[in-house]
Amino acid sequence: MGVLPTPGVSMLMKKNSFSLGIMITASHNPHSDNGIKMFKSDGFKLEENIEVEIEEIIFQKKTNPTQCVSTVGTKSEAKKSFLNY
């Protein structure tokens, strides 16, 4: 998508048939407010318990990333037409 405000990811999730949206944030806010935000297909953020579970997997390195590749869904590249809202 390129550079866009966080609510833009939410709107594009609702408008298109994406299964997950990820926003990497960094701004004028305190560093504790920056990070990764994940959105469900309905445009709402993932529930906190799911985010905690994902964080635990990442920080505890419970999985080998190369083993996960075969289980990951397909990749969709955003086309400029998605931005015509």
PDB file of N, CA and C in Angstrom:
ATOM      1  N   MET A   1       0.810  -1.187   0.000  1.00  0.00           N
ATOM      2  CA  MET A   1       0.000   0.000   0.000  1.00  0.00           C
ATOM      3  C   MET A   1       0.857   1.256   0.000  1.00  0.00           C
ATOM      4  N   GLY A   2       2.068   1.135   0.509  1.00  0.00           N
ATOM      5  CA  GLY A   2       2.893   2.320   0.639  1.00  0.00           C
ATOM      6  C   GLY A   2       2.604   3.040   1.937  1.00  0.00           C
ATOM      7  N   VAL A   3       2.913   4.316   1.991  1.00  0.00           N
ATOM      8  CA  VAL A   3       2.705   5.107   3.196  1.00  0.00           C
ATOM      9  C   VAL A   3       1.257   5.569   3.238  1.00  0.00           C
ATOM     10  N   LEU A   4       0.583   5.273   4.335  1.00  0.00           N
ATOM     11  CA  LEU A   4      -0.786   5.734   4.548  1.00  0.00           C
ATOM     12  C   LEU A   4      -1.083   5.719   6.034  1.00  0.00           C
ATOM     13  N   PRO A   5      -2.090   6.466   6.469  1.00  0.00           N
ATOM     14  CA  PRO A   5      -2.426   6.464   7.898  1.00  0.00           C
ATOM     15  C   PRO A   5      -3.029   5.122   8.313  1.00  0.00           C
ATOM     16  N   THR A   6      -2.878   4.783   9.574  1.00  0.00           N
ATOM     17  CA  THR A   6      -3.371   3.499  10.084  1.00  0.00           C
ATOM     18  C   THR A   6      -4.835   3.248   9.752  1.00  0.00           C
ATOM     19  N   PRO A   7      -5.734   4.233   9.894  1.00  0.00           N
ATOM     20  CA  PRO A   7      -7.135   3.959   9.541  1.00  0.00           C
ATOM     21  C   PRO A   7      -7.326   3.571   8.076  1.00  0.00           C
ATOM     22  N   GLY A   8      -6.352   3.923   7.229  1.00  0.00           N
ATOM     23  CA  GLY A   8      -6.442   3.530   5.826  1.00  0.00           C
ATOM     24  C   GLY A   8      -6.386   2.026   5.654  1.00  0.00           C
ATOM     25  N   VAL A   9      -5.601   1.343   6.472  1.00  0.00           N
ATOM     26  CA  VAL A   9      -5.536  -0.118   6.404  1.00  0.00           C
ATOM     27  C   VAL A   9      -6.887  -0.700   6.787  1.00  0.00           C
ATOM     28  N   SER A  10      -7.481  -0.166   7.848  1.00  0.00           N
ATOM     29  CA  SER A  10      -8.795  -0.635   8.287  1.00  0.00           C
ATOM     30  C   SER A  10      -9.823  -0.481   7.169  1.00  0.00           C
ATOM     31  N   MET A  11      -9.834   0.678   6.529  1.00  0.00           N
ATOM     32  CA  MET A  11     -10.802   0.931   5.461  1.00  0.00           C
ATOM     33  C   MET A  11     -10.576   0.005   4.271  1.00  0.00           C
ATOM     34  N   LEU A  12      -9.313  -0.194   3.892  1.00  0.00           N
ATOM     35  CA  LEU A  12      -9.019  -1.063   2.763  1.00  0.00           C
ATOM     36  C   LEU A  12      -9.349  -2.514   3.070  1.00  0.00           C
ATOM     37  N   MET A  13      -9.221  -2.923   4.326  1.00  0.00           N
ATOM     38  CA  MET A  13      -9.587  -4.288   4.703  1.00  0.00           C
ATOM     39  C   MET A  13     -11.081  -4.511   4.479  1.00  0.00           C
ATOM     40  N   LYS A  14     -11.882  -3.540   4.890  1.00  0.00           N
ATOM     41  CA  LYS A  14     -13.337  -3.670   4.740  1.00  0.00           C
ATOM     42  C   LYS A  14     -13.746  -3.610   3.265  1.00  0.00           C
ATOM     43  N   LYS A  15     -13.043  -2.803   2.486  1.00  0.00           N
ATOM     44  CA  LYS A  15     -13.427  -2.576   1.093  1.00  0.00           C
ATOM     45  C   LYS A  15     -13.000  -3.719   0.171  1.00  0.00           C
ATOM     46  N   ASN A  16     -11.952  -4.446   0.531  1.00  0.00           N
ATOM     47  CA  ASN A  16     -11.394  -5.501  -0.321  1.00  0.00           C
ATOM     48  C   ASN A  16     -11.474  -6.844   0.392  1.00  0.00           C
ATOM     49  N   SER A  17     -11.108  -7.880  -0.292  1.00  0.00           N
ATOM     50  CA  SER A  17     -11.216  -9.215   0.299  1.00  0.00           C
ATOM     51  C   SER A  17      -9.868  -9.695   0.833  1.00  0.00           C
ATOM     52  N   PHE A  18      -9.221  -8.859   1.638  1.00  0.00           N
ATOM     53  CA  PHE A  18      -7.971  -9.258   2.266  1.00  0.00           C
ATOM     54  C   PHE A  18      -8.281  -9.996   3.560  1.00  0.00           C
ATOM     55  N   SER A  19      -7.472 -10.989   3.909  1.00  0.00           N
ATOM     56  CA  SER A  19      -7.730 -11.721   5.142  1.00  0.00           C
ATOM     57  C   SER A  19      -6.997 -11.136   6.344  1.00  0.00           C
ATOM     58  N   LEU A  20      -5.924 -10.390   6.120  1.00  0.00           N
ATOM     59  CA  LEU A  20      -5.190  -9.795   7.229  1.00  0.00           C
ATOM     60  C   LEU A  20      -4.466  -8.553   6.728  1.00  0.00           C
ATOM     61  N   GLY A  21      -4.519  -7.511   7.521  1.00  0.00           N
ATOM     62  CA  GLY A  21      -3.790  -6.290   7.211  1.00  0.00           C
ATOM     63  C   GLY A  21      -2.796  -6.015   8.322  1.00  0.00           C
ATOM     64  N   ILE A  22      -1.594  -5.640   7.955  1.00  0.00           N
ATOM     65  CA  ILE A  22      -0.558  -5.353   8.942  1.00  0.00           C
ATOM     66  C   ILE A  22      -0.026  -3.949   8.701  1.00  0.00           C
ATOM     67  N   MET A  23       0.003  -3.150   9.763  1.00  0.00           N
ATOM     68  CA  MET A  23       0.520  -1.789   9.706  1.00  0.00           C
ATOM     69  C   MET A  23       1.734  -1.717  10.609  1.00  0.00           C
ATOM     70  N   ILE A  24       2.846  -1.270  10.066  1.00  0.00           N
ATOM     71  CA  ILE A  24       4.035  -1.003  10.874  1.00  0.00           C
ATOM     72  C   ILE A  24       4.031   0.492  11.134  1.00  0.00           C
ATOM     73  N   THR A  25       3.937   0.867  12.409  1.00  0.00           N
ATOM     74  CA  THR A  25       3.776   2.273  12.747  1.00  0.00           C
ATOM     75  C   THR A  25       5.053   2.859  13.333  1.00  0.00           C
ATOM     76  N   ALA A  26       5.237   4.119  13.070  1.00  0.00           N
ATOM     77  CA  ALA A  26       6.309   4.917  13.672  1.00  0.00           C
ATOM     78  C   ALA A  26       5.924   6.365  13.421  1.00  0.00           C
ATOM     79  N   SER A  27       5.805   7.129  14.461  1.00  0.00           N
ATOM     80  CA  SER A  27       5.323   8.498  14.277  1.00  0.00           C
ATOM     81  C   SER A  27       5.819   9.402  15.384  1.00  0.00           C
ATOM     82  N   HIS A  28       5.111  10.495  15.542  1.00  0.00           N
ATOM     83  CA  HIS A  28       5.434  11.473  16.579  1.00  0.00           C
ATOM     84  C   HIS A  28       5.012  11.000  17.967  1.00  0.00           C
ATOM     85  N   ASN A  29       4.291   9.917  18.054  1.00  0.00           N
ATOM     86  CA  ASN A  29       3.841   9.392  19.341  1.00  0.00           C
ATOM     87  C   ASN A  29       5.021   8.816  20.131  1.00  0.00           C
ATOM     88  N   PRO A  30       4.841   8.618  21.437  1.00  0.00           N
ATOM     89  CA  PRO A  30       5.898   7.950  22.216  1.00  0.00           C
ATOM     90  C   PRO A  30       6.212   6.575  21.620  1.00  0.00           C
ATOM     91  N   HIS A  31       7.452   6.141  21.735  1.00  0.00           N
ATOM     92  CA  HIS A  31       7.854   4.871  21.117  1.00  0.00           C
ATOM     93  C   HIS A  31       6.999   3.700  21.581  1.00  0.00           C
ATOM     94  N   SER A  32       6.445   3.770  22.773  1.00  0.00           N
ATOM     95  CA  SER A  32       5.609   2.668  23.263  1.00  0.00           C
ATOM     96  C   SER A  32       4.288   2.553  22.490  1.00  0.00           C
ATOM     97  N   ASP A  33       3.897   3.621  21.803  1.00  0.00           N
ATOM     98  CA  ASP A  33       2.667   3.595  20.996  1.00  0.00           C
ATOM     99  C   ASP A  33       2.917   3.107  19.575  1.00  0.00           C
ATOM    100  N   ASN A  34       4.167   2.969  19.207  1.00  0.00           N
ATOM    101  CA  ASN A  34       4.512   2.513  17.864  1.00  0.00           C
ATOM    102  C   ASN A  34       4.701   1.010  17.857  1.00  0.00           C
ATOM    103  N   GLY A  35       4.577   0.422  16.704  1.00  0.00           N
ATOM    104  CA  GLY A  35       4.776  -1.019  16.613  1.00  0.00           C
ATOM    105  C   GLY A  35       4.045  -1.603  15.433  1.00  0.00           C
ATOM    106  N   ILE A  36       3.519  -2.796  15.608  1.00  0.00           N
ATOM    107  CA  ILE A  36       2.805  -3.500  14.545  1.00  0.00           C
ATOM    108  C   ILE A  36       1.350  -3.633  14.958  1.00  0.00           C
ATOM    109  N   LYS A  37       0.457  -3.238  14.065  1.00  0.00           N
ATOM    110  CA  LYS A  37      -0.979  -3.377  14.302  1.00  0.00           C
ATOM    111  C   LYS A  37      -1.535  -4.300  13.233  1.00  0.00           C
ATOM    112  N   MET A  38      -2.360  -5.257  13.657  1.00  0.00           N
ATOM    113  CA  MET A  38      -2.925  -6.225  12.725  1.00  0.00           C
ATOM    114  C   MET A  38      -4.439  -6.084  12.683  1.00  0.00           C
ATOM    115  N   PHE A  39      -4.976  -6.145  11.464  1.00  0.00           N
ATOM    116  CA  PHE A  39      -6.406  -5.951  11.252  1.00  0.00           C
ATOM    117  C   PHE A  39      -7.020  -7.186  10.609  1.00  0.00           C
ATOM    118  N   LYS A  40      -8.219  -7.536  11.078  1.00  0.00           N
ATOM    119  CA  LYS A  40      -8.984  -8.644  10.507  1.00  0.00           C
ATOM    120  C   LYS A  40      -9.661  -8.171   9.222  1.00  0.00           C
ATOM    121  N   SER A  41     -10.270  -9.094   8.511  1.00  0.00           N
ATOM    122  CA  SER A  41     -10.913  -8.775   7.243  1.00  0.00           C
ATOM    123  C   SER A  41     -12.064  -7.781   7.388  1.00  0.00           C
ATOM    124  N   ASP A  42     -12.635  -7.668   8.593  1.00  0.00           N
ATOM    125  CA  ASP A  42     -13.730  -6.715   8.800  1.00  0.00           C
ATOM    126  C   ASP A  42     -13.233  -5.302   9.105  1.00  0.00           C
ATOM    127  N   GLY A  43     -11.909  -5.116   9.135  1.00  0.00           N
ATOM    128  CA  GLY A  43     -11.337  -3.802   9.379  1.00  0.00           C
ATOM    129  C   GLY A  43     -11.037  -3.498  10.836  1.00  0.00           C
ATOM    130  N   PHE A  44     -11.419  -4.387  11.738  1.00  0.00           N
ATOM    131  CA  PHE A  44     -11.159  -4.173  13.160  1.00  0.00           C
ATOM    132  C   PHE A  44      -9.843  -4.840  13.547  1.00  0.00           C
ATOM    133  N   LYS A  45      -9.190  -4.297  14.594  1.00  0.00           N
ATOM    134  CA  LYS A  45      -7.948  -4.879  15.077  1.00  0.00           C
ATOM    135  C   LYS A  45      -8.196  -6.271  15.643  1.00  0.00           C
ATOM    136  N   LEU A  46      -7.150  -7.091  15.611  1.00  0.00           N
ATOM    137  CA  LEU A  46      -7.236  -8.415  16.223  1.00  0.00           C
ATOM    138  C   LEU A  46      -7.506  -8.268  17.714  1.00  0.00           C
ATOM    139  N   GLU A  47      -8.177  -9.246  18.289  1.00  0.00           N
ATOM    140  CA  GLU A  47      -8.435  -9.234  19.718  1.00  0.00           C
ATOM    141  C   GLU A  47      -7.114  -9.323  20.467  1.00  0.00           C
ATOM    142  N   GLU A  48      -7.077  -8.735  21.639  1.00  0.00           N
ATOM    143  CA  GLU A  48      -5.837  -8.661  22.413  1.00  0.00           C
ATOM    144  C   GLU A  48      -5.267 -10.045  22.714  1.00  0.00           C
ATOM    145  N   ASN A  49      -6.122 -11.025  23.024  1.00  0.00           N
ATOM    146  CA  ASN A  49      -5.613 -12.361  23.344  1.00  0.00           C
ATOM    147  C   ASN A  49      -4.918 -12.998  22.142  1.00  0.00           C
ATOM    148  N   ILE A  50      -5.373 -12.701  20.938  1.00  0.00           N
ATOM    149  CA  ILE A  50      -4.720 -13.236  19.738  1.00  0.00           C
ATOM    150  C   ILE A  50      -3.380 -12.530  19.523  1.00  0.00           C
ATOM    151  N   GLU A  51      -3.357 -11.202  19.749  1.00  0.00           N
ATOM    152  CA  GLU A  51      -2.096 -10.465  19.630  1.00  0.00           C
ATOM    153  C   GLU A  51      -1.066 -10.985  20.630  1.00  0.00           C
ATOM    154  N   VAL A  52      -1.502 -11.256  21.849  1.00  0.00           N
ATOM    155  CA  VAL A  52      -0.602 -11.781  22.882  1.00  0.00           C
ATOM    156  C   VAL A  52      -0.042 -13.135  22.453  1.00  0.00           C
ATOM    157  N   GLU A  53      -0.887 -13.975  21.896  1.00  0.00           N
ATOM    158  CA  GLU A  53      -0.445 -15.299  21.445  1.00  0.00           C
ATOM    159  C   GLU A  53       0.596 -15.173  20.330  1.00  0.00           C
ATOM    160  N   ILE A  54       0.366 -14.260  19.395  1.00  0.00           N
ATOM    161  CA  ILE A  54       1.328 -14.041  18.314  1.00  0.00           C
ATOM    162  C   ILE A  54       2.645 -13.517  18.881  1.00  0.00           C
ATOM    163  N   GLU A  55       2.568 -12.571  19.817  1.00  0.00           N
ATOM    164  CA  GLU A  55       3.785 -12.038  20.448  1.00  0.00           C
ATOM    165  C   GLU A  55       4.561 -13.147  21.151  1.00  0.00           C
ATOM    166  N   GLU A  56       3.861 -14.024  21.854  1.00  0.00           N
ATOM    167  CA  GLU A  56       4.540 -15.121  22.549  1.00  0.00           C
ATOM    168  C   GLU A  56       5.274 -16.020  21.566  1.00  0.00           C
ATOM    169  N   ILE A  57       4.647 -16.317  20.458  1.00  0.00           N
ATOM    170  CA  ILE A  57       5.281 -17.160  19.435  1.00  0.00           C
ATOM    171  C   ILE A  57       6.531 -16.480  18.908  1.00  0.00           C
ATOM    172  N   ILE A  58       6.430 -15.184  18.631  1.00  0.00           N
ATOM    173  CA  ILE A  58       7.576 -14.448  18.089  1.00  0.00           C
ATOM    174  C   ILE A  58       8.700 -14.358  19.109  1.00  0.00           C
ATOM    175  N   PHE A  59       8.374 -13.921  20.329  1.00  0.00           N
ATOM    176  CA  PHE A  59       9.418 -13.695  21.324  1.00  0.00           C
ATOM    177  C   PHE A  59      10.018 -14.977  21.876  1.00  0.00           C
ATOM    178  N   GLN A  60       9.260 -16.053  21.928  1.00  0.00           N
ATOM    179  CA  GLN A  60       9.792 -17.317  22.427  1.00  0.00           C
ATOM    180  C   GLN A  60      10.371 -18.162  21.303  1.00  0.00           C
ATOM    181  N   LYS A  61      10.223 -17.677  20.088  1.00  0.00           N
ATOM    182  CA  LYS A  61      10.735 -18.377  18.909  1.00  0.00           C
ATOM    183  C   LYS A  61      10.280 -19.832  18.923  1.00  0.00           C
ATOM    184  N   LYS A  62       8.964 -20.023  19.127  1.00  0.00           N
ATOM    185  CA  LYS A  62       8.404 -21.369  19.194  1.00  0.00           C
ATOM    186  C   LYS A  62       8.424 -22.079  17.850  1.00  0.00           C
ATOM    187  N   THR A  63       8.519 -21.310  16.780  1.00  0.00           N
ATOM    188  CA  THR A  63       8.478 -21.937  15.463  1.00  0.00           C
ATOM    189  C   THR A  63       9.714 -21.554  14.673  1.00  0.00           C
ATOM    190  N   ASN A  64      10.029 -22.379  13.733  1.00  0.00           N
ATOM    191  CA  ASN A  64      11.095 -22.097  12.792  1.00  0.00           C
ATOM    192  C   ASN A  64      10.437 -21.452  11.579  1.00  0.00           C
ATOM    193  N   PRO A  65      10.774 -20.189  11.257  1.00  0.00           N
ATOM    194  CA  PRO A  65      10.112 -19.512  10.137  1.00  0.00           C
ATOM    195  C   PRO A  65      10.143 -20.286   8.836  1.00  0.00           C
ATOM    196  N   THR A  66      11.207 -21.035   8.586  1.00  0.00           N
ATOM    197  CA  THR A  66      11.265 -21.779   7.325  1.00  0.00           C
ATOM    198  C   THR A  66      10.265 -22.924   7.316  1.00  0.00           C
ATOM    199  N   GLN A  67       9.888 -23.426   8.493  1.00  0.00           N
ATOM    200  CA  GLN A  67       8.886 -24.480   8.550  1.00  0.00           C
ATOM    201  C   GLN A  67       7.477 -23.927   8.333  1.00  0.00           C
ATOM    202  N   CYS A  68       7.286 -22.654   8.587  1.00  0.00           N
ATOM    203  CA  CYS A  68       5.969 -22.045   8.471  1.00  0.00           C
ATOM    204  C   CYS A  68       5.610 -21.667   7.042  1.00  0.00           C
ATOM    205  N   VAL A  69       6.607 -21.555   6.184  1.00  0.00           N
ATOM    206  CA  VAL A  69       6.376 -21.045   4.839  1.00  0.00           C
ATOM    207  C   VAL A  69       5.313 -21.839   4.105  1.00  0.00           C
ATOM    208  N   SER A  70       5.313 -23.138   4.229  1.00  0.00           N
ATOM    209  CA  SER A  70       4.355 -23.948   3.479  1.00  0.00           C
ATOM    210  C   SER A  70       2.935 -23.797   4.009  1.00  0.00           C
ATOM    211  N   THR A  71       2.766 -23.282   5.218  1.00  0.00           N
ATOM    212  CA  THR A  71       1.425 -23.144   5.775  1.00  0.00           C
ATOM    213  C   THR A  71       0.844 -21.747   5.607  1.00  0.00           C
ATOM    214  N   VAL A  72       1.641 -20.835   5.103  1.00  0.00           N
ATOM    215  CA  VAL A  72       1.169 -19.461   4.926  1.00  0.00           C
ATOM    216  C   VAL A  72       0.316 -19.383   3.677  1.00  0.00           C
ATOM    217  N   GLY A  73      -0.707 -18.546   3.711  1.00  0.00           N
ATOM    218  CA  GLY A  73      -1.610 -18.388   2.568  1.00  0.00           C
ATOM    219  C   GLY A  73      -0.926 -17.702   1.409  1.00  0.00           C
ATOM    220  N   THR A  74      -1.713 -17.275   0.467  1.00  0.00           N
ATOM    221  CA  THR A  74      -1.153 -16.636  -0.719  1.00  0.00           C
ATOM    222  C   THR A  74      -0.862 -15.171  -0.451  1.00  0.00           C
ATOM    223  N   LYS A  75       0.004 -14.623  -1.227  1.00  0.00           N
ATOM    224  CA  LYS A  75       0.389 -13.216  -1.097  1.00  0.00           C
ATOM    225  C   LYS A  75      -0.357 -12.413  -2.151  1.00  0.00           C
ATOM    226  N   SER A  76      -0.895 -11.278  -1.743  1.00  0.00           N
ATOM    227  CA  SER A  76      -1.566 -10.388  -2.678  1.00  0.00           C
ATOM    228  C   SER A  76      -0.847  -9.056  -2.702  1.00  0.00           C
ATOM    229  N   GLU A  77      -0.497  -8.610  -3.873  1.00  0.00           N
ATOM    230  CA  GLU A  77       0.112  -7.300  -4.018  1.00  0.00           C
ATOM    231  C   GLU A  77      -1.018  -6.291  -4.224  1.00  0.00           C
ATOM    232  N   ALA A  78      -0.962  -5.202  -3.497  1.00  0.00           N
ATOM    233  CA  ALA A  78      -1.976  -4.160  -3.643  1.00  0.00           C
ATOM    234  C   ALA A  78      -1.790  -3.464  -4.979  1.00  0.00           C
ATOM    235  N   LYS A  79      -2.844  -3.290  -5.688  1.00  0.00           N
ATOM    236  CA  LYS A  79      -2.818  -2.564  -6.949  1.00  0.00           C
ATOM    237  C   LYS A  79      -3.287  -1.140  -6.684  1.00  0.00           C
ATOM    238  N   LYS A  80      -2.875  -0.222  -7.508  1.00  0.00           N
ATOM    239  CA  LYS A  80      -3.270   1.167  -7.322  1.00  0.00           C
ATOM    240  C   LYS A  80      -4.785   1.321  -7.315  1.00  0.00           C
ATOM    241  N   SER A  81      -5.500   0.425  -7.981  1.00  0.00           N
ATOM    242  CA  SER A  81      -6.957   0.535  -8.020  1.00  0.00           C
ATOM    243  C   SER A  81      -7.567   0.375  -6.631  1.00  0.00           C
ATOM    244  N   PHE A  82      -6.870  -0.329  -5.715  1.00  0.00           N
ATOM    245  CA  PHE A  82      -7.380  -0.470  -4.361  1.00  0.00           C
ATOM    246  C   PHE A  82      -7.398   0.872  -3.645  1.00  0.00           C
ATOM    247  N   LEU A  83      -6.549   1.768  -4.085  1.00  0.00           N
ATOM    248  CA  LEU A  83      -6.447   3.056  -3.427  1.00  0.00           C
ATOM    249  C   LEU A  83      -7.452   4.064  -3.950  1.00  0.00           C
ATOM    250  N   ASN A  84      -8.235   3.682  -4.922  1.00  0.00           N
ATOM    251  CA  ASN A  84      -9.250   4.589  -5.469  1.00  0.00           C
ATOM    252  C   ASN A  84     -10.514   4.507  -4.642  1.00  0.00           C
ATOM    253  N   TYR A  85     -10.487   5.084  -3.504  1.00  0.00           N
ATOM    254  CA  TYR A  85     -11.625   5.068  -2.610  1.00  0.00           C
ATOM    255  C   TYR A  85     -12.163   6.436  -2.549  1.00  0.00           C
TER     256      TYR A  85
END
